[in-house]
Amino acid sequence: MDAIKDANKTVIGLYGMGGIGKTTLMEKINNDLRTNNSYGFTYVIMVTVSATPNITELQNKIAMRVGYNDLENESDINVRAYKLNERLRKEKSTLIILNDVWKRLDLNKVGIPRDRLPLAISVVALALKNQEEEHVWRVFLSDLNEFSPDDLVGIEQEIYTPLKLSYDHLISKDVRMCFLFCSLFPEDHVIDLMYYGIGENFVTSREGVTSLDYILTLIDTLKTRGLLLDANKGELYVKMHDVVRDVATFIARNDKKFDFYTNFKGKWPMEGESKTSMRISLMENSIQQVVDHPKFDRKKDEISTLK
């Protein structure tokens, strides 16, 4: 209750083992606050999320509680989220209790307004969340203070540095490759990594471990670091935050071990632009044919292109 009174807190987390009384406690808080207006909340709303959240249903329940009917004839989930967000922001203070949350829930996709922690802070927090040793935090902080990349174009160093360090702390080469490969896709693209991963050999299988097992492990690792996002189309499909993608593109183009080149909605890359590139993405282009290019003197099977 002290946390609820604190105007500086916008999100409060309550967790514990099953059966310990979390829902009972939330129901009591919900009932007490709805009858006691001294806290200043215009609305107190409690909804159940469950293990398989239905975003549309959550939106409907919240909208109904605030007397908002403009969602009834809207089917686009993103438009619904925008409208609900705008409606809730008109209220001075609203408390929304989300009960039975099993996994990370993107409040923006529901339409619940909040100030989304700065991306750089979020990524650093996720990178270090399981690190209890103080020396690990000191080294990371030192790296943040001393890191000074050259030739950054269009990327703020305050954003680039923590993202690059989070990438550097990925131990597995396969998970790094998986991350960088996502830079070959346009902004907001829904990415299915399975077949590309097999082709690029960062998705493998072995006795007792299928290719599906392995790609899901890579995806989970990147999601828990805040480097990939759920695309809400199934566990194999992911998206990449625009800023994270900019950093991934910069790393991929400048890391000679990987040699990536992306050229969205442009002309065929000239020799100087892609001289060392082993992977070229020409997605969302109107290019009709491959022009003469010294790069393609190599055997065709040495070059992979995303169409």
C-alpha atoms as a PDB file:
ATOM      1  CA  MET A   1       0.000   0.000   0.000  1.00  0.00           C
ATOM      2  CA  ASP A   2       2.934   2.312   0.620  1.00  0.00           C
ATOM      3  CA  ALA A   3       4.107   1.652  -2.930  1.00  0.00           C
ATOM      4  CA  ILE A   4       0.631   2.408  -4.300  1.00  0.00           C
ATOM      5  CA  LYS A   5       0.623   5.729  -2.445  1.00  0.00           C
ATOM      6  CA  ASP A   6       3.990   6.677  -3.937  1.00  0.00           C
ATOM      7  CA  ALA A   7       3.291   8.911  -6.949  1.00  0.00           C
ATOM      8  CA  ASN A   8       6.798   8.215  -8.297  1.00  0.00           C
ATOM      9  CA  LYS A   9       5.999   4.549  -8.854  1.00  0.00           C
ATOM     10  CA  THR A  10       4.102   3.633 -12.002  1.00  0.00           C
ATOM     11  CA  VAL A  11       4.536  -0.157 -12.022  1.00  0.00           C
ATOM     12  CA  ILE A  12       4.556  -2.446  -8.985  1.00  0.00           C
ATOM     13  CA  GLY A  13       5.360  -6.143  -9.192  1.00  0.00           C
ATOM     14  CA  LEU A  14       4.041  -8.800  -6.810  1.00  0.00           C
ATOM     15  CA  TYR A  15       5.342 -12.331  -7.196  1.00  0.00           C
ATOM     16  CA  GLY A  16       5.478 -15.560  -5.255  1.00  0.00           C
ATOM     17  CA  MET A  17       4.863 -19.285  -5.417  1.00  0.00           C
ATOM     18  CA  GLY A  18       1.465 -20.639  -6.389  1.00  0.00           C
ATOM     19  CA  GLY A  19      -1.158 -20.714  -3.626  1.00  0.00           C
ATOM     20  CA  ILE A  20       0.627 -18.189  -1.422  1.00  0.00           C
ATOM     21  CA  GLY A  21      -2.287 -15.718  -1.639  1.00  0.00           C
ATOM     22  CA  LYS A  22      -1.316 -13.213  -4.345  1.00  0.00           C
ATOM     23  CA  THR A  23      -4.758 -13.147  -5.949  1.00  0.00           C
ATOM     24  CA  THR A  24      -6.483 -12.908  -2.577  1.00  0.00           C
ATOM     25  CA  LEU A  25      -4.311  -9.944  -1.653  1.00  0.00           C
ATOM     26  CA  MET A  26      -4.991  -8.224  -4.982  1.00  0.00           C
ATOM     27  CA  GLU A  27      -8.736  -8.767  -4.621  1.00  0.00           C
ATOM     28  CA  LYS A  28      -8.666  -7.168  -1.177  1.00  0.00           C
ATOM     29  CA  ILE A  29      -6.682  -4.173  -2.456  1.00  0.00           C
ATOM     30  CA  ASN A  30      -9.060  -3.871  -5.412  1.00  0.00           C
ATOM     31  CA  ASN A  31     -12.147  -3.923  -3.170  1.00  0.00           C
ATOM     32  CA  ASP A  32     -10.689  -1.548  -0.578  1.00  0.00           C
ATOM     33  CA  LEU A  33      -9.574   1.059  -3.105  1.00  0.00           C
ATOM     34  CA  ARG A  34     -12.846   0.987  -5.016  1.00  0.00           C
ATOM     35  CA  THR A  35     -14.705   1.884  -1.826  1.00  0.00           C
ATOM     36  CA  ASN A  36     -12.067   4.253  -0.416  1.00  0.00           C
ATOM     37  CA  ASN A  37     -11.495   7.199  -2.756  1.00  0.00           C
ATOM     38  CA  SER A  38      -8.937   8.889  -0.526  1.00  0.00           C
ATOM     39  CA  TYR A  39      -6.159   7.558  -2.755  1.00  0.00           C
ATOM     40  CA  GLY A  40      -7.381   9.703  -5.628  1.00  0.00           C
ATOM     41  CA  PHE A  41      -7.834   6.991  -8.272  1.00  0.00           C
ATOM     42  CA  THR A  42     -10.543   7.799 -10.806  1.00  0.00           C
ATOM     43  CA  TYR A  43     -10.788   4.116 -11.668  1.00  0.00           C
ATOM     44  CA  VAL A  44      -9.569   0.921 -10.010  1.00  0.00           C
ATOM     45  CA  ILE A  45      -9.627  -1.971 -12.478  1.00  0.00           C
ATOM     46  CA  MET A  46      -8.658  -5.614 -11.936  1.00  0.00           C
ATOM     47  CA  VAL A  47      -8.343  -8.019 -14.879  1.00  0.00           C
ATOM     48  CA  THR A  48      -6.977 -11.544 -15.203  1.00  0.00           C
ATOM     49  CA  VAL A  49      -4.204 -12.079 -17.759  1.00  0.00           C
ATOM     50  CA  SER A  50      -3.665 -15.887 -17.532  1.00  0.00           C
ATOM     51  CA  ALA A  51      -0.935 -18.049 -19.088  1.00  0.00           C
ATOM     52  CA  THR A  52      -2.259 -17.381 -22.623  1.00  0.00           C
ATOM     53  CA  PRO A  53      -3.296 -13.719 -22.588  1.00  0.00           C
ATOM     54  CA  ASN A  54      -5.994 -12.542 -24.976  1.00  0.00           C
ATOM     55  CA  ILE A  55      -5.043  -8.927 -25.733  1.00  0.00           C
ATOM     56  CA  THR A  56      -8.401  -8.075 -27.305  1.00  0.00           C
ATOM     57  CA  GLU A  57     -10.277  -9.394 -24.285  1.00  0.00           C
ATOM     58  CA  LEU A  58      -8.043  -7.449 -21.897  1.00  0.00           C
ATOM     59  CA  GLN A  59      -8.639  -4.280 -23.917  1.00  0.00           C
ATOM     60  CA  ASN A  60     -12.406  -4.843 -23.853  1.00  0.00           C
ATOM     61  CA  LYS A  61     -12.531  -5.381 -20.095  1.00  0.00           C
ATOM     62  CA  ILE A  62     -10.476  -2.266 -19.330  1.00  0.00           C
ATOM     63  CA  ALA A  63     -12.464  -0.150 -21.818  1.00  0.00           C
ATOM     64  CA  MET A  64     -15.751  -1.352 -20.351  1.00  0.00           C
ATOM     65  CA  ARG A  65     -14.681  -0.391 -16.830  1.00  0.00           C
ATOM     66  CA  VAL A  66     -13.961   3.198 -17.895  1.00  0.00           C
ATOM     67  CA  GLY A  67     -17.131   3.467 -19.983  1.00  0.00           C
ATOM     68  CA  TYR A  68     -15.287   3.613 -23.297  1.00  0.00           C
ATOM     69  CA  ASN A  69     -17.205   2.182 -26.268  1.00  0.00           C
ATOM     70  CA  ASP A  70     -15.079   3.226 -29.257  1.00  0.00           C
ATOM     71  CA  LEU A  71     -13.312  -0.144 -29.406  1.00  0.00           C
ATOM     72  CA  GLU A  72     -16.423  -2.115 -30.282  1.00  0.00           C
ATOM     73  CA  ASN A  73     -16.141  -1.688 -34.059  1.00  0.00           C
ATOM     74  CA  GLU A  74     -12.348  -1.688 -34.255  1.00  0.00           C
ATOM     75  CA  SER A  75     -10.607  -4.965 -35.131  1.00  0.00           C
ATOM     76  CA  ASP A  76      -6.986  -3.813 -35.584  1.00  0.00           C
ATOM     77  CA  ILE A  77      -5.283  -4.625 -32.285  1.00  0.00           C
ATOM     78  CA  ASN A  78      -2.728  -1.818 -32.640  1.00  0.00           C
ATOM     79  CA  VAL A  79      -5.387   0.799 -33.352  1.00  0.00           C
ATOM     80  CA  ARG A  80      -7.358  -0.492 -30.374  1.00  0.00           C
ATOM     81  CA  ALA A  81      -4.272  -0.138 -28.166  1.00  0.00           C
ATOM     82  CA  TYR A  82      -3.712   3.431 -29.370  1.00  0.00           C
ATOM     83  CA  LYS A  83      -7.331   4.437 -28.724  1.00  0.00           C
ATOM     84  CA  LEU A  84      -7.399   2.837 -25.277  1.00  0.00           C
ATOM     85  CA  ASN A  85      -4.090   4.483 -24.401  1.00  0.00           C
ATOM     86  CA  GLU A  86      -5.431   7.903 -25.410  1.00  0.00           C
ATOM     87  CA  ARG A  87      -8.580   7.330 -23.358  1.00  0.00           C
ATOM     88  CA  LEU A  88      -6.736   6.267 -20.208  1.00  0.00           C
ATOM     89  CA  ARG A  89      -4.325   9.203 -20.428  1.00  0.00           C
ATOM     90  CA  LYS A  90      -7.265  11.575 -20.036  1.00  0.00           C
ATOM     91  CA  GLU A  91      -7.748  10.356 -16.479  1.00  0.00           C
ATOM     92  CA  LYS A  92      -5.822  11.931 -13.646  1.00  0.00           C
ATOM     93  CA  SER A  93      -5.031   8.594 -11.994  1.00  0.00           C
ATOM     94  CA  THR A  94      -6.028   5.024 -12.775  1.00  0.00           C
ATOM     95  CA  LEU A  95      -4.953   1.826 -11.032  1.00  0.00           C
ATOM     96  CA  ILE A  96      -4.977  -1.298 -13.183  1.00  0.00           C
ATOM     97  CA  ILE A  97      -4.323  -4.598 -11.409  1.00  0.00           C
ATOM     98  CA  LEU A  98      -3.144  -7.346 -13.760  1.00  0.00           C
ATOM     99  CA  ASN A  99      -3.696 -10.678 -12.041  1.00  0.00           C
ATOM    100  CA  ASP A 100      -2.232 -14.074 -12.942  1.00  0.00           C
ATOM    101  CA  VAL A 101       0.616 -12.880 -15.168  1.00  0.00           C
ATOM    102  CA  TRP A 102       2.771 -15.800 -16.270  1.00  0.00           C
ATOM    103  CA  LYS A 103       5.217 -14.091 -18.608  1.00  0.00           C
ATOM    104  CA  ARG A 104       6.300 -10.661 -19.774  1.00  0.00           C
ATOM    105  CA  LEU A 105       3.335  -8.612 -20.949  1.00  0.00           C
ATOM    106  CA  ASP A 106       3.924  -5.623 -23.245  1.00  0.00           C
ATOM    107  CA  LEU A 107       1.647  -2.965 -21.746  1.00  0.00           C
ATOM    108  CA  ASN A 108       1.908  -0.822 -24.865  1.00  0.00           C
ATOM    109  CA  LYS A 109       0.308  -3.590 -26.941  1.00  0.00           C
ATOM    110  CA  VAL A 110      -2.620  -3.628 -24.545  1.00  0.00           C
ATOM    111  CA  GLY A 111      -2.904   0.159 -24.524  1.00  0.00           C
ATOM    112  CA  ILE A 112      -1.957   0.763 -20.901  1.00  0.00           C
ATOM    113  CA  PRO A 113      -0.015   4.033 -20.724  1.00  0.00           C
ATOM    114  CA  ARG A 114       3.282   4.040 -18.940  1.00  0.00           C
ATOM    115  CA  ASP A 115       6.666   5.724 -19.203  1.00  0.00           C
ATOM    116  CA  ARG A 116       8.570   2.565 -21.144  1.00  0.00           C
ATOM    117  CA  LEU A 117      11.900   2.370 -19.359  1.00  0.00           C
ATOM    118  CA  PRO A 118      14.668   3.828 -21.601  1.00  0.00           C
ATOM    119  CA  LEU A 119      15.860   1.085 -23.939  1.00  0.00           C
ATOM    120  CA  ALA A 120      19.508   1.360 -22.907  1.00  0.00           C
ATOM    121  CA  ILE A 121      18.675   0.930 -19.212  1.00  0.00           C
ATOM    122  CA  SER A 122      16.335  -1.961 -19.959  1.00  0.00           C
ATOM    123  CA  VAL A 123      18.961  -3.829 -21.992  1.00  0.00           C
ATOM    124  CA  VAL A 124      21.662  -3.353 -19.343  1.00  0.00           C
ATOM    125  CA  ALA A 125      19.280  -4.528 -16.619  1.00  0.00           C
ATOM    126  CA  LEU A 126      18.403  -7.665 -18.574  1.00  0.00           C
ATOM    127  CA  ALA A 127      22.064  -8.358 -19.340  1.00  0.00           C
ATOM    128  CA  LEU A 128      22.991  -8.254 -15.653  1.00  0.00           C
ATOM    129  CA  LYS A 129      19.822  -9.474 -13.952  1.00  0.00           C
ATOM    130  CA  ASN A 130      21.260 -12.882 -13.011  1.00  0.00           C
ATOM    131  CA  GLN A 131      24.703 -11.555 -12.077  1.00  0.00           C
ATOM    132  CA  GLU A 132      25.001 -11.386  -8.293  1.00  0.00           C
ATOM    133  CA  GLU A 133      28.762 -10.826  -8.095  1.00  0.00           C
ATOM    134  CA  GLU A 134      29.633  -7.179  -7.504  1.00  0.00           C
ATOM    135  CA  HIS A 135      32.805  -7.374  -9.619  1.00  0.00           C
ATOM    136  CA  VAL A 136      30.751  -8.216 -12.735  1.00  0.00           C
ATOM    137  CA  TRP A 137      28.741  -5.006 -12.281  1.00  0.00           C
ATOM    138  CA  ARG A 138      31.909  -2.966 -11.698  1.00  0.00           C
ATOM    139  CA  VAL A 139      33.518  -4.269 -14.884  1.00  0.00           C
ATOM    140  CA  PHE A 140      30.368  -3.588 -16.909  1.00  0.00           C
ATOM    141  CA  LEU A 141      30.138  -0.048 -15.495  1.00  0.00           C
ATOM    142  CA  SER A 142      33.794   0.549 -16.306  1.00  0.00           C
ATOM    143  CA  ASP A 143      33.201  -0.636 -19.867  1.00  0.00           C
ATOM    144  CA  LEU A 144      30.213   1.694 -20.185  1.00  0.00           C
ATOM    145  CA  ASN A 145      32.290   4.656 -19.061  1.00  0.00           C
ATOM    146  CA  GLU A 146      35.299   3.909 -21.245  1.00  0.00           C
ATOM    147  CA  PHE A 147      33.640   2.597 -24.401  1.00  0.00           C
ATOM    148  CA  SER A 148      34.059   5.131 -27.211  1.00  0.00           C
ATOM    149  CA  PRO A 149      33.186   3.747 -30.659  1.00  0.00           C
ATOM    150  CA  ASP A 150      34.313   5.624 -33.746  1.00  0.00           C
ATOM    151  CA  ASP A 151      32.365   6.328 -36.922  1.00  0.00           C
ATOM    152  CA  LEU A 152      28.908   6.037 -35.404  1.00  0.00           C
ATOM    153  CA  VAL A 153      26.392   7.342 -37.913  1.00  0.00           C
ATOM    154  CA  GLY A 154      22.815   8.026 -36.854  1.00  0.00           C
ATOM    155  CA  ILE A 155      23.169   6.208 -33.519  1.00  0.00           C
ATOM    156  CA  GLU A 156      23.547   7.933 -30.168  1.00  0.00           C
ATOM    157  CA  GLN A 157      26.570   6.635 -28.257  1.00  0.00           C
ATOM    158  CA  GLU A 158      24.448   6.489 -25.083  1.00  0.00           C
ATOM    159  CA  ILE A 159      22.284   3.912 -26.859  1.00  0.00           C
ATOM    160  CA  TYR A 160      24.989   2.131 -28.843  1.00  0.00           C
ATOM    161  CA  THR A 161      27.349   1.483 -25.942  1.00  0.00           C
ATOM    162  CA  PRO A 162      25.072  -0.566 -23.639  1.00  0.00           C
ATOM    163  CA  LEU A 163      23.611  -2.483 -26.580  1.00  0.00           C
ATOM    164  CA  LYS A 164      27.058  -3.299 -27.949  1.00  0.00           C
ATOM    165  CA  LEU A 165      28.257  -4.382 -24.507  1.00  0.00           C
ATOM    166  CA  SER A 166      25.190  -6.568 -24.082  1.00  0.00           C
ATOM    167  CA  TYR A 167      26.024  -8.137 -27.447  1.00  0.00           C
ATOM    168  CA  ASP A 168      29.662  -8.589 -26.411  1.00  0.00           C
ATOM    169  CA  HIS A 169      28.525 -10.477 -23.305  1.00  0.00           C
ATOM    170  CA  LEU A 170      26.773 -13.096 -25.449  1.00  0.00           C
ATOM    171  CA  ILE A 171      29.075 -16.075 -25.028  1.00  0.00           C
ATOM    172  CA  SER A 172      27.862 -18.292 -27.863  1.00  0.00           C
ATOM    173  CA  LYS A 173      28.917 -17.513 -31.436  1.00  0.00           C
ATOM    174  CA  ASP A 174      25.624 -19.001 -32.626  1.00  0.00           C
ATOM    175  CA  VAL A 175      23.531 -16.617 -30.541  1.00  0.00           C
ATOM    176  CA  ARG A 176      25.619 -13.678 -31.783  1.00  0.00           C
ATOM    177  CA  MET A 177      25.096 -14.783 -35.364  1.00  0.00           C
ATOM    178  CA  CYS A 178      21.379 -15.166 -34.730  1.00  0.00           C
ATOM    179  CA  PHE A 179      21.231 -11.585 -33.407  1.00  0.00           C
ATOM    180  CA  LEU A 180      23.215 -10.083 -36.281  1.00  0.00           C
ATOM    181  CA  PHE A 181      21.258 -12.019 -38.883  1.00  0.00           C
ATOM    182  CA  CYS A 182      18.122 -10.146 -37.810  1.00  0.00           C
ATOM    183  CA  SER A 183      19.731  -6.930 -39.084  1.00  0.00           C
ATOM    184  CA  LEU A 184      19.206  -8.253 -42.616  1.00  0.00           C
ATOM    185  CA  PHE A 185      15.455  -7.723 -42.276  1.00  0.00           C
ATOM    186  CA  PRO A 186      13.665  -4.351 -42.671  1.00  0.00           C
ATOM    187  CA  GLU A 187      12.245  -2.384 -39.740  1.00  0.00           C
ATOM    188  CA  ASP A 188       9.201  -3.954 -38.046  1.00  0.00           C
ATOM    189  CA  HIS A 189       9.621  -7.126 -40.113  1.00  0.00           C
ATOM    190  CA  VAL A 190       8.336 -10.361 -38.585  1.00  0.00           C
ATOM    191  CA  ILE A 191      11.303 -12.725 -38.705  1.00  0.00           C
ATOM    192  CA  ASP A 192      11.248 -16.526 -38.914  1.00  0.00           C
ATOM    193  CA  LEU A 193      14.816 -17.627 -38.194  1.00  0.00           C
ATOM    194  CA  MET A 194      14.493 -21.401 -38.481  1.00  0.00           C
ATOM    195  CA  TYR A 195      15.364 -22.054 -42.138  1.00  0.00           C
ATOM    196  CA  TYR A 196      17.801 -19.166 -42.435  1.00  0.00           C
ATOM    197  CA  GLY A 197      19.490 -20.438 -39.299  1.00  0.00           C
ATOM    198  CA  ILE A 198      19.867 -23.917 -40.728  1.00  0.00           C
ATOM    199  CA  GLY A 199      21.242 -22.494 -43.964  1.00  0.00           C
ATOM    200  CA  GLU A 200      23.720 -20.288 -42.118  1.00  0.00           C
ATOM    201  CA  ASN A 201      24.599 -23.139 -39.740  1.00  0.00           C
ATOM    202  CA  PHE A 202      23.912 -21.237 -36.530  1.00  0.00           C
ATOM    203  CA  VAL A 203      20.978 -23.595 -35.999  1.00  0.00           C
ATOM    204  CA  THR A 204      22.134 -27.187 -35.614  1.00  0.00           C
ATOM    205  CA  SER A 205      20.894 -30.465 -34.242  1.00  0.00           C
ATOM    206  CA  ARG A 206      22.506 -33.326 -32.430  1.00  0.00           C
ATOM    207  CA  GLU A 207      21.471 -36.440 -30.565  1.00  0.00           C
ATOM    208  CA  GLY A 208      18.593 -35.574 -28.276  1.00  0.00           C
ATOM    209  CA  VAL A 209      18.407 -31.954 -29.462  1.00  0.00           C
ATOM    210  CA  THR A 210      16.385 -30.978 -32.552  1.00  0.00           C
ATOM    211  CA  SER A 211      16.867 -27.890 -34.691  1.00  0.00           C
ATOM    212  CA  LEU A 212      13.640 -26.546 -33.194  1.00  0.00           C
ATOM    213  CA  ASP A 213      15.016 -26.983 -29.676  1.00  0.00           C
ATOM    214  CA  TYR A 214      18.182 -25.136 -30.623  1.00  0.00           C
ATOM    215  CA  ILE A 215      16.605 -22.140 -32.382  1.00  0.00           C
ATOM    216  CA  LEU A 216      14.137 -21.671 -29.527  1.00  0.00           C
ATOM    217  CA  THR A 217      17.065 -21.650 -27.090  1.00  0.00           C
ATOM    218  CA  LEU A 218      18.828 -18.961 -29.138  1.00  0.00           C
ATOM    219  CA  ILE A 219      15.647 -16.891 -29.364  1.00  0.00           C
ATOM    220  CA  ASP A 220      14.961 -17.189 -25.635  1.00  0.00           C
ATOM    221  CA  THR A 221      18.519 -16.070 -24.847  1.00  0.00           C
ATOM    222  CA  LEU A 222      18.137 -12.952 -26.988  1.00  0.00           C
ATOM    223  CA  LYS A 223      14.647 -12.176 -25.669  1.00  0.00           C
ATOM    224  CA  THR A 224      15.804 -12.373 -22.054  1.00  0.00           C
ATOM    225  CA  ARG A 225      18.577  -9.897 -22.934  1.00  0.00           C
ATOM    226  CA  GLY A 226      16.046  -7.495 -24.450  1.00  0.00           C
ATOM    227  CA  LEU A 227      17.653  -7.863 -27.895  1.00  0.00           C
ATOM    228  CA  LEU A 228      14.659  -9.499 -29.596  1.00  0.00           C
ATOM    229  CA  LEU A 229      10.917  -8.997 -29.204  1.00  0.00           C
ATOM    230  CA  ASP A 230       7.980 -11.377 -29.394  1.00  0.00           C
ATOM    231  CA  ALA A 231       6.101 -10.954 -32.701  1.00  0.00           C
ATOM    232  CA  ASN A 232       2.894 -12.518 -31.301  1.00  0.00           C
ATOM    233  CA  LYS A 233       2.711 -15.035 -34.160  1.00  0.00           C
ATOM    234  CA  GLY A 234       4.189 -18.054 -32.453  1.00  0.00           C
ATOM    235  CA  GLU A 235       7.340 -18.927 -30.571  1.00  0.00           C
ATOM    236  CA  LEU A 236       9.496 -19.072 -33.725  1.00  0.00           C
ATOM    237  CA  TYR A 237       8.629 -15.554 -34.874  1.00  0.00           C
ATOM    238  CA  VAL A 238      10.438 -12.497 -33.553  1.00  0.00           C
ATOM    239  CA  LYS A 239      10.839  -8.779 -34.196  1.00  0.00           C
ATOM    240  CA  MET A 240      13.648  -6.354 -33.455  1.00  0.00           C
ATOM    241  CA  HIS A 241      13.305  -2.918 -31.874  1.00  0.00           C
ATOM    242  CA  ASP A 242      14.227  -0.248 -34.420  1.00  0.00           C
ATOM    243  CA  VAL A 243      17.064   1.127 -32.290  1.00  0.00           C
ATOM    244  CA  VAL A 244      18.405  -2.368 -31.537  1.00  0.00           C
ATOM    245  CA  ARG A 245      18.286  -3.116 -35.253  1.00  0.00           C
ATOM    246  CA  ASP A 246      20.310   0.016 -36.054  1.00  0.00           C
ATOM    247  CA  VAL A 247      22.991  -1.144 -33.639  1.00  0.00           C
ATOM    248  CA  ALA A 248      22.876  -4.714 -34.997  1.00  0.00           C
ATOM    249  CA  THR A 249      23.296  -3.362 -38.530  1.00  0.00           C
ATOM    250  CA  PHE A 250      26.278  -1.250 -37.479  1.00  0.00           C
ATOM    251  CA  ILE A 251      27.944  -4.206 -35.739  1.00  0.00           C
ATOM    252  CA  ALA A 252      27.224  -6.568 -38.636  1.00  0.00           C
ATOM    253  CA  ARG A 253      28.655  -4.218 -41.240  1.00  0.00           C
ATOM    254  CA  ASN A 254      31.812  -3.554 -39.253  1.00  0.00           C
ATOM    255  CA  ASP A 255      32.610  -7.025 -37.934  1.00  0.00           C
ATOM    256  CA  LYS A 256      34.871  -8.706 -40.493  1.00  0.00           C
ATOM    257  CA  LYS A 257      34.145 -12.119 -38.990  1.00  0.00           C
ATOM    258  CA  PHE A 258      30.561 -11.863 -40.261  1.00  0.00           C
ATOM    259  CA  ASP A 259      30.622  -9.491 -43.287  1.00  0.00           C
ATOM    260  CA  PHE A 260      27.010  -8.368 -43.692  1.00  0.00           C
ATOM    261  CA  TYR A 261      25.611  -5.831 -46.102  1.00  0.00           C
ATOM    262  CA  THR A 262      22.074  -4.403 -46.147  1.00  0.00           C
ATOM    263  CA  ASN A 263      20.635  -2.191 -48.840  1.00  0.00           C
ATOM    264  CA  PHE A 264      16.929  -1.641 -48.288  1.00  0.00           C
ATOM    265  CA  LYS A 265      15.028   0.120 -51.072  1.00  0.00           C
ATOM    266  CA  GLY A 266      18.225   1.188 -52.834  1.00  0.00           C
ATOM    267  CA  LYS A 267      20.232   0.448 -55.926  1.00  0.00           C
ATOM    268  CA  TRP A 268      22.417  -2.567 -56.504  1.00  0.00           C
ATOM    269  CA  PRO A 269      25.477  -2.185 -54.230  1.00  0.00           C
ATOM    270  CA  MET A 270      28.663  -1.144 -55.934  1.00  0.00           C
ATOM    271  CA  GLU A 271      31.957  -2.957 -55.383  1.00  0.00           C
ATOM    272  CA  GLY A 272      33.194  -0.518 -52.786  1.00  0.00           C
ATOM    273  CA  GLU A 273      30.004  -0.817 -50.740  1.00  0.00           C
ATOM    274  CA  SER A 274      29.977  -4.584 -50.506  1.00  0.00           C
ATOM    275  CA  LYS A 275      33.480  -5.665 -51.370  1.00  0.00           C
ATOM    276  CA  THR A 276      33.928  -7.911 -48.349  1.00  0.00           C
ATOM    277  CA  SER A 277      30.290  -8.879 -47.763  1.00  0.00           C
ATOM    278  CA  MET A 278      29.388 -12.542 -47.606  1.00  0.00           C
ATOM    279  CA  ARG A 279      25.697 -11.815 -46.944  1.00  0.00           C
ATOM    280  CA  ILE A 280      23.677  -9.231 -48.835  1.00  0.00           C
ATOM    281  CA  SER A 281      20.051  -8.379 -48.051  1.00  0.00           C
ATOM    282  CA  LEU A 282      18.041  -6.828 -50.876  1.00  0.00           C
ATOM    283  CA  MET A 283      14.601  -7.206 -49.315  1.00  0.00           C
ATOM    284  CA  GLU A 284      11.885  -4.703 -50.281  1.00  0.00           C
ATOM    285  CA  ASN A 285      13.778  -3.705 -53.424  1.00  0.00           C
ATOM    286  CA  SER A 286      12.594  -3.298 -56.995  1.00  0.00           C
ATOM    287  CA  ILE A 287      15.871  -4.640 -58.407  1.00  0.00           C
ATOM    288  CA  GLN A 288      15.010  -6.989 -61.274  1.00  0.00           C
ATOM    289  CA  GLN A 289      18.340  -8.676 -61.970  1.00  0.00           C
ATOM    290  CA  VAL A 290      21.840  -9.180 -60.635  1.00  0.00           C
ATOM    291  CA  VAL A 291      24.229  -6.870 -62.470  1.00  0.00           C
ATOM    292  CA  ASP A 292      27.854  -7.640 -63.279  1.00  0.00           C
ATOM    293  CA  HIS A 293      29.688  -7.519 -60.017  1.00  0.00           C
ATOM    294  CA  PRO A 294      33.212  -8.682 -59.107  1.00  0.00           C
ATOM    295  CA  LYS A 295      31.829 -10.146 -55.924  1.00  0.00           C
ATOM    296  CA  PHE A 296      30.019 -12.819 -57.878  1.00  0.00           C
ATOM    297  CA  ASP A 297      33.133 -14.251 -59.424  1.00  0.00           C
ATOM    298  CA  ARG A 298      33.046 -16.659 -56.492  1.00  0.00           C
ATOM    299  CA  LYS A 299      31.173 -19.916 -56.568  1.00  0.00           C
ATOM    300  CA  LYS A 300      27.446 -19.322 -56.201  1.00  0.00           C
ATOM    301  CA  ASP A 301      27.174 -21.627 -53.238  1.00  0.00           C
ATOM    302  CA  GLU A 302      29.561 -19.412 -51.250  1.00  0.00           C
ATOM    303  CA  ILE A 303      27.111 -16.523 -51.285  1.00  0.00           C
ATOM    304  CA  SER A 304      23.788 -16.337 -49.455  1.00  0.00           C
ATOM    305  CA  THR A 305      21.250 -13.655 -50.323  1.00  0.00           C
ATOM    306  CA  LEU A 306      17.947 -12.843 -48.688  1.00  0.00           C
ATOM    307  CA  LYS A 307      15.218 -12.421 -51.300  1.00  0.00           C
END
